[in-house]
Structures are given as structure tokens and as C-alpha cells.
């Protein structure tokens, strides 16, 4: 998609009022960005193989109506030598038909599916002011994978379903954004990224295979 807005496009990077304070303030000061950090968005091919560890930001977008949790998470992870795959791209053409024959739609969905398969960790954030049907679909697809962490507040309309699924499949889950950051760090540590409980990088990883 072009960066300039076209007729029929909506900005999904616009500010969304976080009226319920779902996103905490960033720690100050934020650590500097690691030189190997990669922030990847569609349609650019996910650069997952350039780093040994990677995180997919699965969760509420809702055509730009969800809180801007993705850039918030990018800033919380940018001090690490990882690739972050973020499906929330700058603008989306509302005339695109959500059907397999629409090439723009197909490109977006296939980008997401490939990245979901390839990353080390998939984190889910459910904005409790959204419906997020695609996010629930993706969680169902990945529930039996051992690389998922979830943040779902009790105020989300299907939180009971989400929490039961997490319990059944042993998926770590929490109800706050800050808790989600911690769960991501634990999963990265399980996959041999040397970080402490606060997410501080203790040593550089070996090169990706």
C-alpha cells in the first residue's frame, strides 16, 4: 500500500484515545534501540531469519479503532536483537474486498499466516473495547503451539472463552499490558535469549541459523 492516503483509505496508525488506560506509560528512560532490532510490517517480506528470535504482535486492530498497543510494544522490545512482525500497517483501503480473490487482502492475510508460523513468540493483546474476531480466530489456530502468550482483560466481551482456552492448552496469560511484556520476556528466555526478569539483555545471542 502506498504511504499517501488514497480515496477510500483509513489510517490505522491514527491516535486512538486510551480512555480506559490499557497502556501504561513507558519506563523512563527507555533503553536505546539495539542495532540488530528489526520492525517488520506488511507487505514487506518478514525478515525473521536475520535474527534468531522474533515476536509477532497478534491482537486487536479493528480497522484502526483499537488502542495503539502495537507501537507501544515495539518501543518496549526495541532494545533486543529480535525481529518484531507488526501487521498494523499505516493505511488500509476500505474498498478492498475481504475475499481470497482480492490480491491486497490475500497479500495481507498470507503475510500474517507466514509470520505467525515462523516467529519464536506470538503475543496476543485483546483491546476490551473491540470485538476482535480475527484475533480470536488466530488464537484458535495457534492454541496448541507452545509459543503463545495472551493479554485479555475481564472486560473483553469473550474473555471467559479466551481464559478457558488458555487454561486448557497451558497458554500463559495475563490481564494487563505490563504483564504481557513480562510474558514475552519469559518466552524469549525459554528460547535462549539471555534476558533478566526485567527484560534487560545480559548477553548477545549467537547468530541465527
C-alpha atoms as a PDB file:
ATOM      1  CA  UNK A   1       0.000   0.000   0.000  1.00  0.00           C
ATOM      2  CA  UNK A   2       1.270   3.497  -0.730  1.00  0.00           C
ATOM      3  CA  UNK A   3       2.138   5.710   2.176  1.00  0.00           C
ATOM      4  CA  UNK A   4      -0.064   8.569   0.885  1.00  0.00           C
ATOM      5  CA  UNK A   5      -3.723   8.202   1.647  1.00  0.00           C
ATOM      6  CA  UNK A   6      -5.970   7.403  -1.312  1.00  0.00           C
ATOM      7  CA  UNK A   7      -9.738   7.798  -1.626  1.00  0.00           C
ATOM      8  CA  UNK A   8     -11.368   5.071   0.427  1.00  0.00           C
ATOM      9  CA  UNK A   9      -8.430   4.581   2.788  1.00  0.00           C
ATOM     10  CA  UNK A  10      -8.459   4.847   6.554  1.00  0.00           C
ATOM     11  CA  UNK A  11      -5.472   5.466   8.786  1.00  0.00           C
ATOM     12  CA  UNK A  12      -4.891   2.636  11.207  1.00  0.00           C
ATOM     13  CA  UNK A  13      -1.942   4.488  12.729  1.00  0.00           C
ATOM     14  CA  UNK A  14      -4.041   7.432  13.915  1.00  0.00           C
ATOM     15  CA  UNK A  15      -4.160   8.203  17.619  1.00  0.00           C
ATOM     16  CA  UNK A  16      -6.880   6.310  19.471  1.00  0.00           C
ATOM     17  CA  UNK A  17      -7.888   7.611  22.881  1.00  0.00           C
ATOM     18  CA  UNK A  18      -6.867   5.126  25.556  1.00  0.00           C
ATOM     19  CA  UNK A  19      -9.812   6.112  27.709  1.00  0.00           C
ATOM     20  CA  UNK A  20      -9.509   3.082  29.994  1.00  0.00           C
ATOM     21  CA  UNK A  21      -5.724   3.370  30.394  1.00  0.00           C
ATOM     22  CA  UNK A  22      -4.996  -0.056  28.957  1.00  0.00           C
ATOM     23  CA  UNK A  23      -1.466   1.056  28.015  1.00  0.00           C
ATOM     24  CA  UNK A  24       0.897   2.088  30.826  1.00  0.00           C
ATOM     25  CA  UNK A  25       3.445   4.897  30.477  1.00  0.00           C
ATOM     26  CA  UNK A  26       6.799   3.813  29.095  1.00  0.00           C
ATOM     27  CA  UNK A  27       9.609   3.330  31.614  1.00  0.00           C
ATOM     28  CA  UNK A  28      11.956   6.295  31.679  1.00  0.00           C
ATOM     29  CA  UNK A  29      14.406   6.350  30.221  1.00  0.00           C
ATOM     30  CA  UNK A  30      13.702   3.779  27.533  1.00  0.00           C
ATOM     31  CA  UNK A  31      16.821   1.790  26.616  1.00  0.00           C
ATOM     32  CA  UNK A  32      18.299   2.589  23.198  1.00  0.00           C
ATOM     33  CA  UNK A  33      17.322   0.552  20.170  1.00  0.00           C
ATOM     34  CA  UNK A  34      19.543  -2.465  19.550  1.00  0.00           C
ATOM     35  CA  UNK A  35      21.406  -2.229  16.212  1.00  0.00           C
ATOM     36  CA  UNK A  36      20.037  -5.644  15.185  1.00  0.00           C
ATOM     37  CA  UNK A  37      16.410  -4.845  16.032  1.00  0.00           C
ATOM     38  CA  UNK A  38      14.034  -5.132  13.043  1.00  0.00           C
ATOM     39  CA  UNK A  39      10.467  -3.808  12.923  1.00  0.00           C
ATOM     40  CA  UNK A  40       8.722  -5.513  10.004  1.00  0.00           C
ATOM     41  CA  UNK A  41       5.297  -4.640   8.566  1.00  0.00           C
ATOM     42  CA  UNK A  42       3.384  -5.896   5.521  1.00  0.00           C
ATOM     43  CA  UNK A  43       3.694  -6.156   2.619  1.00  0.00           C
ATOM     44  CA  UNK A  44       7.472  -6.318   3.149  1.00  0.00           C
ATOM     45  CA  UNK A  45       8.630  -9.919   3.456  1.00  0.00           C
ATOM     46  CA  UNK A  46       9.138 -10.756   7.164  1.00  0.00           C
ATOM     47  CA  UNK A  47      12.887 -10.562   7.874  1.00  0.00           C
ATOM     48  CA  UNK A  48      12.651 -13.262  10.517  1.00  0.00           C
ATOM     49  CA  UNK A  49      15.753 -15.221   9.527  1.00  0.00           C
ATOM     50  CA  UNK A  50      18.032 -12.224  10.135  1.00  0.00           C
ATOM     51  CA  UNK A  51      17.607 -12.638  13.891  1.00  0.00           C
ATOM     52  CA  UNK A  52      17.466 -15.817  15.956  1.00  0.00           C
ATOM     53  CA  UNK A  53      14.431 -14.586  17.916  1.00  0.00           C
ATOM     54  CA  UNK A  54      11.209 -12.987  16.712  1.00  0.00           C
ATOM     55  CA  UNK A  55       7.832 -11.823  18.042  1.00  0.00           C
ATOM     56  CA  UNK A  56       4.511 -11.443  16.204  1.00  0.00           C
ATOM     57  CA  UNK A  57       2.136  -8.780  17.517  1.00  0.00           C
ATOM     58  CA  UNK A  58      -1.206 -10.562  17.162  1.00  0.00           C
ATOM     59  CA  UNK A  59      -4.169  -8.728  18.566  1.00  0.00           C
ATOM     60  CA  UNK A  60      -6.797  -6.059  18.166  1.00  0.00           C
ATOM     61  CA  UNK A  61      -6.613  -3.645  15.218  1.00  0.00           C
ATOM     62  CA  UNK A  62     -10.319  -3.263  14.391  1.00  0.00           C
ATOM     63  CA  UNK A  63      -9.703  -1.088  11.299  1.00  0.00           C
ATOM     64  CA  UNK A  64      -7.702   1.362  13.410  1.00  0.00           C
ATOM     65  CA  UNK A  65     -10.225   1.634  16.262  1.00  0.00           C
ATOM     66  CA  UNK A  66      -8.180  -0.395  18.760  1.00  0.00           C
ATOM     67  CA  UNK A  67      -5.742   1.399  21.040  1.00  0.00           C
ATOM     68  CA  UNK A  68      -2.264   1.772  19.570  1.00  0.00           C
ATOM     69  CA  UNK A  69      -0.794  -1.104  21.514  1.00  0.00           C
ATOM     70  CA  UNK A  70       1.471  -2.316  18.693  1.00  0.00           C
ATOM     71  CA  UNK A  71       3.810   0.722  18.534  1.00  0.00           C
ATOM     72  CA  UNK A  72       3.739   0.751  22.334  1.00  0.00           C
ATOM     73  CA  UNK A  73       5.013  -2.837  22.372  1.00  0.00           C
ATOM     74  CA  UNK A  74       7.604  -2.119  19.675  1.00  0.00           C
ATOM     75  CA  UNK A  75       9.165   0.503  21.948  1.00  0.00           C
ATOM     76  CA  UNK A  76       9.206  -1.971  24.847  1.00  0.00           C
ATOM     77  CA  UNK A  77      11.073  -4.546  22.747  1.00  0.00           C
ATOM     78  CA  UNK A  78      13.365  -2.422  20.576  1.00  0.00           C
ATOM     79  CA  UNK A  79      16.373  -2.819  22.900  1.00  0.00           C
ATOM     80  CA  UNK A  80      16.579  -6.510  21.997  1.00  0.00           C
ATOM     81  CA  UNK A  81      18.283  -8.184  18.989  1.00  0.00           C
ATOM     82  CA  UNK A  82      14.988  -9.529  17.662  1.00  0.00           C
ATOM     83  CA  UNK A  83      12.578  -9.113  14.757  1.00  0.00           C
ATOM     84  CA  UNK A  84       9.088  -7.814  15.572  1.00  0.00           C
ATOM     85  CA  UNK A  85       6.388  -8.563  12.995  1.00  0.00           C
ATOM     86  CA  UNK A  86       3.614  -5.984  13.203  1.00  0.00           C
ATOM     87  CA  UNK A  87       0.563  -6.453  10.942  1.00  0.00           C
ATOM     88  CA  UNK A  88      -0.816  -2.966  11.699  1.00  0.00           C
ATOM     89  CA  UNK A  89       0.196  -1.100   8.555  1.00  0.00           C
ATOM     90  CA  UNK A  90      -0.204   2.636   8.048  1.00  0.00           C
ATOM     91  CA  UNK A  91      -3.304   2.837   5.843  1.00  0.00           C
ATOM     92  CA  UNK A  92      -5.921   0.394   4.660  1.00  0.00           C
ATOM     93  CA  UNK A  93      -8.198   0.810   1.660  1.00  0.00           C
ATOM     94  CA  UNK A  94     -11.782   0.271   2.778  1.00  0.00           C
ATOM     95  CA  UNK A  95     -12.773  -0.660  -0.781  1.00  0.00           C
ATOM     96  CA  UNK A  96     -10.679  -3.834  -0.522  1.00  0.00           C
ATOM     97  CA  UNK A  97     -12.979  -6.849  -0.508  1.00  0.00           C
ATOM     98  CA  UNK A  98     -12.136  -9.371   2.248  1.00  0.00           C
ATOM     99  CA  UNK A  99     -12.127 -12.274  -0.189  1.00  0.00           C
ATOM    100  CA  UNK A 100      -9.414 -14.655  -1.338  1.00  0.00           C
ATOM    101  CA  UNK A 101      -9.555 -13.252  -4.891  1.00  0.00           C
ATOM    102  CA  UNK A 102      -8.662  -9.701  -3.784  1.00  0.00           C
ATOM    103  CA  UNK A 103      -4.876  -9.525  -4.116  1.00  0.00           C
ATOM    104  CA  UNK A 104      -4.335  -6.792  -1.489  1.00  0.00           C
ATOM    105  CA  UNK A 105      -6.401  -8.692   1.053  1.00  0.00           C
ATOM    106  CA  UNK A 106      -4.759 -12.001   0.161  1.00  0.00           C
ATOM    107  CA  UNK A 107      -1.274 -10.466   0.475  1.00  0.00           C
ATOM    108  CA  UNK A 108      -2.071  -9.152   3.960  1.00  0.00           C
ATOM    109  CA  UNK A 109      -3.535 -12.434   5.210  1.00  0.00           C
ATOM    110  CA  UNK A 110      -0.763 -14.577   3.736  1.00  0.00           C
ATOM    111  CA  UNK A 111       1.875 -12.255   5.232  1.00  0.00           C
ATOM    112  CA  UNK A 112       0.283 -12.724   8.647  1.00  0.00           C
ATOM    113  CA  UNK A 113      -0.058 -16.501   8.326  1.00  0.00           C
ATOM    114  CA  UNK A 114       3.572 -16.948   7.267  1.00  0.00           C
ATOM    115  CA  UNK A 115       4.866 -14.735  10.065  1.00  0.00           C
ATOM    116  CA  UNK A 116       2.654 -16.491  12.632  1.00  0.00           C
ATOM    117  CA  UNK A 117       4.150 -19.815  11.569  1.00  0.00           C
ATOM    118  CA  UNK A 118       7.759 -18.630  11.532  1.00  0.00           C
ATOM    119  CA  UNK A 119       8.204 -16.483  14.652  1.00  0.00           C
ATOM    120  CA  UNK A 120       9.570 -17.573  18.021  1.00  0.00           C
ATOM    121  CA  UNK A 121       6.781 -15.980  20.100  1.00  0.00           C
ATOM    122  CA  UNK A 122       3.243 -14.830  19.277  1.00  0.00           C
ATOM    123  CA  UNK A 123       1.758 -12.314  21.704  1.00  0.00           C
ATOM    124  CA  UNK A 124      -1.973 -11.583  21.743  1.00  0.00           C
ATOM    125  CA  UNK A 125      -3.440  -8.358  23.117  1.00  0.00           C
ATOM    126  CA  UNK A 126      -7.231  -8.017  23.266  1.00  0.00           C
ATOM    127  CA  UNK A 127      -8.425  -4.399  23.495  1.00  0.00           C
ATOM    128  CA  UNK A 128     -11.509  -4.828  25.660  1.00  0.00           C
ATOM    129  CA  UNK A 129     -13.392  -2.146  23.702  1.00  0.00           C
ATOM    130  CA  UNK A 130     -13.260  -4.205  20.484  1.00  0.00           C
ATOM    131  CA  UNK A 131     -14.801  -7.421  19.153  1.00  0.00           C
ATOM    132  CA  UNK A 132     -11.567  -8.703  17.518  1.00  0.00           C
ATOM    133  CA  UNK A 133     -12.944 -11.751  15.661  1.00  0.00           C
ATOM    134  CA  UNK A 134      -9.776 -12.275  13.595  1.00  0.00           C
ATOM    135  CA  UNK A 135      -7.651 -12.178  16.744  1.00  0.00           C
ATOM    136  CA  UNK A 136      -9.803 -14.912  18.277  1.00  0.00           C
ATOM    137  CA  UNK A 137      -9.508 -16.941  15.064  1.00  0.00           C
ATOM    138  CA  UNK A 138      -5.715 -16.651  15.150  1.00  0.00           C
ATOM    139  CA  UNK A 139      -5.596 -17.689  18.797  1.00  0.00           C
ATOM    140  CA  UNK A 140      -7.634 -20.766  17.920  1.00  0.00           C
ATOM    141  CA  UNK A 141      -5.226 -21.624  15.110  1.00  0.00           C
ATOM    142  CA  UNK A 142      -2.216 -21.390  17.419  1.00  0.00           C
ATOM    143  CA  UNK A 143      -3.616 -22.619  20.730  1.00  0.00           C
ATOM    144  CA  UNK A 144      -1.744 -25.923  20.589  1.00  0.00           C
ATOM    145  CA  UNK A 145       1.568 -24.298  19.672  1.00  0.00           C
ATOM    146  CA  UNK A 146       3.960 -23.753  22.543  1.00  0.00           C
ATOM    147  CA  UNK A 147       4.884 -20.195  21.635  1.00  0.00           C
ATOM    148  CA  UNK A 148       1.811 -18.138  22.540  1.00  0.00           C
ATOM    149  CA  UNK A 149       1.223 -15.583  25.316  1.00  0.00           C
ATOM    150  CA  UNK A 150      -2.027 -13.692  25.849  1.00  0.00           C
ATOM    151  CA  UNK A 151      -3.270 -10.492  27.464  1.00  0.00           C
ATOM    152  CA  UNK A 152      -7.049 -10.402  27.886  1.00  0.00           C
ATOM    153  CA  UNK A 153      -8.806  -8.197  30.427  1.00  0.00           C
ATOM    154  CA  UNK A 154     -12.025  -9.465  32.046  1.00  0.00           C
ATOM    155  CA  UNK A 155     -13.891  -6.616  30.326  1.00  0.00           C
ATOM    156  CA  UNK A 156     -13.344  -8.141  26.868  1.00  0.00           C
ATOM    157  CA  UNK A 157     -16.692  -9.493  25.680  1.00  0.00           C
ATOM    158  CA  UNK A 158     -15.379 -13.046  25.197  1.00  0.00           C
ATOM    159  CA  UNK A 159     -12.805 -13.031  27.992  1.00  0.00           C
ATOM    160  CA  UNK A 160     -14.298 -16.164  29.532  1.00  0.00           C
ATOM    161  CA  UNK A 161     -13.739 -18.107  26.319  1.00  0.00           C
ATOM    162  CA  UNK A 162     -10.199 -16.765  25.992  1.00  0.00           C
ATOM    163  CA  UNK A 163      -9.252 -17.633  29.577  1.00  0.00           C
ATOM    164  CA  UNK A 164     -10.711 -21.157  29.320  1.00  0.00           C
ATOM    165  CA  UNK A 165      -8.822 -21.827  26.071  1.00  0.00           C
ATOM    166  CA  UNK A 166      -5.605 -20.572  27.672  1.00  0.00           C
ATOM    167  CA  UNK A 167      -6.160 -22.821  30.677  1.00  0.00           C
ATOM    168  CA  UNK A 168      -6.918 -25.889  28.551  1.00  0.00           C
ATOM    169  CA  UNK A 169      -3.816 -25.520  26.387  1.00  0.00           C
ATOM    170  CA  UNK A 170      -1.439 -24.210  29.049  1.00  0.00           C
ATOM    171  CA  UNK A 171      -1.068 -20.794  27.417  1.00  0.00           C
ATOM    172  CA  UNK A 172       0.429 -18.156  29.730  1.00  0.00           C
ATOM    173  CA  UNK A 173      -2.000 -15.261  30.057  1.00  0.00           C
ATOM    174  CA  UNK A 174      -2.435 -12.030  31.987  1.00  0.00           C
ATOM    175  CA  UNK A 175      -4.858  -9.115  32.128  1.00  0.00           C
ATOM    176  CA  UNK A 176      -2.502  -6.133  31.753  1.00  0.00           C
ATOM    177  CA  UNK A 177      -0.174  -4.834  29.059  1.00  0.00           C
ATOM    178  CA  UNK A 178       2.707  -4.709  31.533  1.00  0.00           C
ATOM    179  CA  UNK A 179       2.094  -8.350  32.356  1.00  0.00           C
ATOM    180  CA  UNK A 180       2.213  -9.179  28.645  1.00  0.00           C
ATOM    181  CA  UNK A 181       5.670  -7.617  28.326  1.00  0.00           C
ATOM    182  CA  UNK A 182       6.842  -9.907  31.122  1.00  0.00           C
ATOM    183  CA  UNK A 183       5.327 -12.995  29.485  1.00  0.00           C
ATOM    184  CA  UNK A 184       7.091 -12.195  26.204  1.00  0.00           C
ATOM    185  CA  UNK A 185      10.407 -11.888  28.029  1.00  0.00           C
ATOM    186  CA  UNK A 186       9.864 -15.266  29.708  1.00  0.00           C
ATOM    187  CA  UNK A 187       9.145 -16.933  26.360  1.00  0.00           C
ATOM    188  CA  UNK A 188      12.212 -15.373  24.758  1.00  0.00           C
ATOM    189  CA  UNK A 189      14.294 -16.525  27.709  1.00  0.00           C
ATOM    190  CA  UNK A 190      12.920 -20.077  27.305  1.00  0.00           C
ATOM    191  CA  UNK A 191      14.173 -19.858  23.728  1.00  0.00           C
ATOM    192  CA  UNK A 192      17.699 -18.980  24.906  1.00  0.00           C
ATOM    193  CA  UNK A 193      17.625 -15.186  24.673  1.00  0.00           C
ATOM    194  CA  UNK A 194      19.658 -14.103  27.691  1.00  0.00           C
ATOM    195  CA  UNK A 195      17.410 -11.562  29.420  1.00  0.00           C
ATOM    196  CA  UNK A 196      16.646 -10.986  33.087  1.00  0.00           C
ATOM    197  CA  UNK A 197      13.170 -10.725  34.650  1.00  0.00           C
ATOM    198  CA  UNK A 198      13.028  -7.036  33.696  1.00  0.00           C
ATOM    199  CA  UNK A 199      13.865  -7.713  30.057  1.00  0.00           C
ATOM    200  CA  UNK A 200      17.432  -6.446  30.254  1.00  0.00           C
ATOM    201  CA  UNK A 201      19.694  -8.104  27.685  1.00  0.00           C
ATOM    202  CA  UNK A 202      22.519  -9.846  29.550  1.00  0.00           C
ATOM    203  CA  UNK A 203      24.489 -11.198  26.597  1.00  0.00           C
ATOM    204  CA  UNK A 204      24.317 -11.186  22.810  1.00  0.00           C
ATOM    205  CA  UNK A 205      22.800 -14.275  21.159  1.00  0.00           C
ATOM    206  CA  UNK A 206      24.662 -16.414  18.688  1.00  0.00           C
ATOM    207  CA  UNK A 207      23.920 -15.823  15.010  1.00  0.00           C
ATOM    208  CA  UNK A 208      20.667 -17.131  13.572  1.00  0.00           C
ATOM    209  CA  UNK A 209      20.911 -20.431  11.740  1.00  0.00           C
END
